[in-house]
Amino acid sequence: MADKKAKAKATGIASYYKISGDKATRVHKSCSRCGKGVFMSDHKNRKTCGKCGLTEFIQ
């Protein structure tokens, strides 16, 4: 069988930041209740905090 190459995928903390040159910018929104350092997950129609459960619906 032929060997399949695995795609390189950012996991862990690397998926929450975009690095361009010397600066790192946040990709995900921070939770408004929990503060900086707690990111909200992106879903199809909402953003959700995994720590406090805050949900913001996108229209």
N, C-alpha and C. Protein backbone atom coordinates (compact mmCIF):
# COMPACT_ATOMS: atom_id res chain seq x y z
N MET A 1 0.83 -1.17 0.00
CA MET A 1 0.00 0.00 0.00
C MET A 1 0.88 1.24 0.00
N ALA A 2 0.36 2.28 -0.56
CA ALA A 2 1.09 3.55 -0.61
C ALA A 2 0.98 4.25 0.74
N ASP A 3 2.07 4.90 1.11
CA ASP A 3 2.06 5.68 2.35
C ASP A 3 1.26 6.96 2.15
N LYS A 4 0.44 7.25 3.14
CA LYS A 4 -0.34 8.48 3.09
C LYS A 4 0.32 9.52 3.97
N LYS A 5 0.43 10.73 3.45
CA LYS A 5 1.02 11.81 4.23
C LYS A 5 -0.07 12.42 5.11
N ALA A 6 0.24 12.63 6.36
CA ALA A 6 -0.71 13.26 7.27
C ALA A 6 -0.59 14.77 7.14
N LYS A 7 -1.71 15.44 7.11
CA LYS A 7 -1.70 16.89 7.03
C LYS A 7 -1.27 17.47 8.36
N ALA A 8 -0.45 18.49 8.30
CA ALA A 8 -0.03 19.18 9.51
C ALA A 8 -1.17 20.07 9.98
N LYS A 9 -1.61 19.86 11.21
CA LYS A 9 -2.73 20.61 11.75
C LYS A 9 -2.30 21.22 13.07
N ALA A 10 -2.61 22.51 13.24
CA ALA A 10 -2.28 23.18 14.49
C ALA A 10 -3.21 22.67 15.59
N THR A 11 -2.64 22.24 16.68
CA THR A 11 -3.42 21.75 17.80
C THR A 11 -2.97 22.46 19.06
N GLY A 12 -3.79 22.40 20.06
CA GLY A 12 -3.44 23.02 21.33
C GLY A 12 -3.46 24.54 21.24
N ILE A 13 -2.56 25.17 21.92
CA ILE A 13 -2.53 26.64 22.00
C ILE A 13 -2.19 27.27 20.66
N ALA A 14 -1.50 26.55 19.79
CA ALA A 14 -1.11 27.11 18.49
C ALA A 14 -2.31 27.40 17.60
N SER A 15 -3.44 26.78 17.83
CA SER A 15 -4.61 27.02 17.00
C SER A 15 -5.38 28.27 17.42
N TYR A 16 -5.03 28.87 18.56
CA TYR A 16 -5.72 30.06 19.05
C TYR A 16 -5.01 31.36 18.68
N TYR A 17 -3.80 31.29 18.14
CA TYR A 17 -3.02 32.46 17.78
C TYR A 17 -2.55 32.36 16.33
N LYS A 18 -2.46 33.51 15.66
CA LYS A 18 -1.90 33.59 14.32
C LYS A 18 -0.61 34.38 14.43
N ILE A 19 0.48 33.80 14.00
CA ILE A 19 1.77 34.46 14.12
C ILE A 19 2.16 35.02 12.76
N SER A 20 2.42 36.33 12.75
CA SER A 20 2.87 36.99 11.53
C SER A 20 4.05 37.90 11.88
N GLY A 21 5.21 37.50 11.43
CA GLY A 21 6.42 38.26 11.76
C GLY A 21 6.74 38.17 13.23
N ASP A 22 6.79 39.32 13.90
CA ASP A 22 7.11 39.37 15.32
C ASP A 22 5.89 39.39 16.21
N LYS A 23 4.69 39.49 15.63
CA LYS A 23 3.48 39.66 16.43
C LYS A 23 2.60 38.42 16.40
N ALA A 24 1.92 38.19 17.51
CA ALA A 24 0.95 37.10 17.60
C ALA A 24 -0.42 37.74 17.86
N THR A 25 -1.40 37.39 17.03
CA THR A 25 -2.75 37.93 17.19
C THR A 25 -3.69 36.79 17.54
N ARG A 26 -4.74 37.11 18.29
CA ARG A 26 -5.72 36.10 18.69
C ARG A 26 -6.64 35.78 17.53
N VAL A 27 -6.94 34.51 17.34
CA VAL A 27 -7.86 34.09 16.29
C VAL A 27 -9.27 33.98 16.86
N HIS A 28 -9.40 33.42 18.05
CA HIS A 28 -10.69 33.25 18.70
C HIS A 28 -10.98 34.43 19.62
N LYS A 29 -12.26 34.68 19.86
CA LYS A 29 -12.69 35.76 20.76
C LYS A 29 -12.49 35.32 22.21
N SER A 30 -12.13 36.26 23.07
CA SER A 30 -12.03 35.99 24.51
C SER A 30 -13.41 36.10 25.15
N CYS A 31 -13.63 35.36 26.22
CA CYS A 31 -14.91 35.38 26.92
C CYS A 31 -15.06 36.71 27.66
N SER A 32 -16.24 37.33 27.57
CA SER A 32 -16.47 38.60 28.24
C SER A 32 -16.67 38.44 29.75
N ARG A 33 -17.10 37.27 30.21
CA ARG A 33 -17.26 37.02 31.65
C ARG A 33 -15.94 36.61 32.31
N CYS A 34 -15.25 35.69 31.69
CA CYS A 34 -14.04 35.11 32.29
C CYS A 34 -12.81 35.99 32.09
N GLY A 35 -12.77 36.78 31.05
CA GLY A 35 -11.65 37.67 30.82
C GLY A 35 -10.64 37.11 29.84
N LYS A 36 -9.49 37.77 29.77
CA LYS A 36 -8.44 37.38 28.83
C LYS A 36 -7.87 36.02 29.21
N GLY A 37 -7.52 35.25 28.21
CA GLY A 37 -6.94 33.94 28.44
C GLY A 37 -7.93 32.80 28.35
N VAL A 38 -9.23 33.11 28.34
CA VAL A 38 -10.27 32.10 28.18
C VAL A 38 -10.95 32.37 26.85
N PHE A 39 -10.76 31.46 25.90
CA PHE A 39 -11.27 31.66 24.56
C PHE A 39 -12.64 31.01 24.38
N MET A 40 -13.39 31.56 23.44
CA MET A 40 -14.71 31.01 23.10
C MET A 40 -14.56 30.14 21.86
N SER A 41 -15.26 29.02 21.83
CA SER A 41 -15.19 28.13 20.68
C SER A 41 -16.12 28.64 19.59
N ASP A 42 -15.76 28.36 18.34
CA ASP A 42 -16.55 28.79 17.20
C ASP A 42 -17.39 27.62 16.70
N HIS A 43 -18.68 27.83 16.63
CA HIS A 43 -19.60 26.86 16.06
C HIS A 43 -20.26 27.50 14.85
N LYS A 44 -21.13 26.78 14.19
CA LYS A 44 -21.77 27.29 12.97
C LYS A 44 -22.62 28.53 13.24
N ASN A 45 -23.38 28.53 14.32
CA ASN A 45 -24.30 29.64 14.58
C ASN A 45 -24.11 30.29 15.95
N ARG A 46 -23.00 29.98 16.64
CA ARG A 46 -22.81 30.53 17.98
C ARG A 46 -21.35 30.47 18.39
N LYS A 47 -21.01 31.22 19.44
CA LYS A 47 -19.70 31.15 20.09
C LYS A 47 -19.97 30.80 21.54
N THR A 48 -19.21 29.85 22.09
CA THR A 48 -19.49 29.33 23.42
C THR A 48 -18.21 29.29 24.26
N CYS A 49 -18.34 29.68 25.53
CA CYS A 49 -17.23 29.58 26.48
C CYS A 49 -17.31 28.21 27.16
N GLY A 50 -16.20 27.49 27.18
CA GLY A 50 -16.17 26.17 27.80
C GLY A 50 -16.04 26.22 29.30
N LYS A 51 -15.66 27.38 29.84
CA LYS A 51 -15.46 27.49 31.29
C LYS A 51 -16.75 27.89 32.01
N CYS A 52 -17.41 28.97 31.54
CA CYS A 52 -18.59 29.44 32.25
C CYS A 52 -19.90 29.13 31.53
N GLY A 53 -19.83 28.73 30.26
CA GLY A 53 -21.03 28.36 29.53
C GLY A 53 -21.71 29.50 28.80
N LEU A 54 -21.11 30.68 28.77
CA LEU A 54 -21.69 31.83 28.07
C LEU A 54 -21.83 31.49 26.58
N THR A 55 -23.00 31.76 26.01
CA THR A 55 -23.24 31.48 24.60
C THR A 55 -23.70 32.77 23.92
N GLU A 56 -23.07 33.10 22.79
CA GLU A 56 -23.45 34.24 21.98
C GLU A 56 -23.87 33.70 20.62
N PHE A 57 -25.09 33.99 20.22
CA PHE A 57 -25.60 33.51 18.95
C PHE A 57 -25.25 34.49 17.84
N ILE A 58 -24.87 33.97 16.69
CA ILE A 58 -24.52 34.76 15.52
C ILE A 58 -25.70 34.75 14.56
N GLN A 59 -26.05 35.92 14.08
CA GLN A 59 -27.18 35.99 13.14
C GLN A 59 -26.72 36.22 11.74
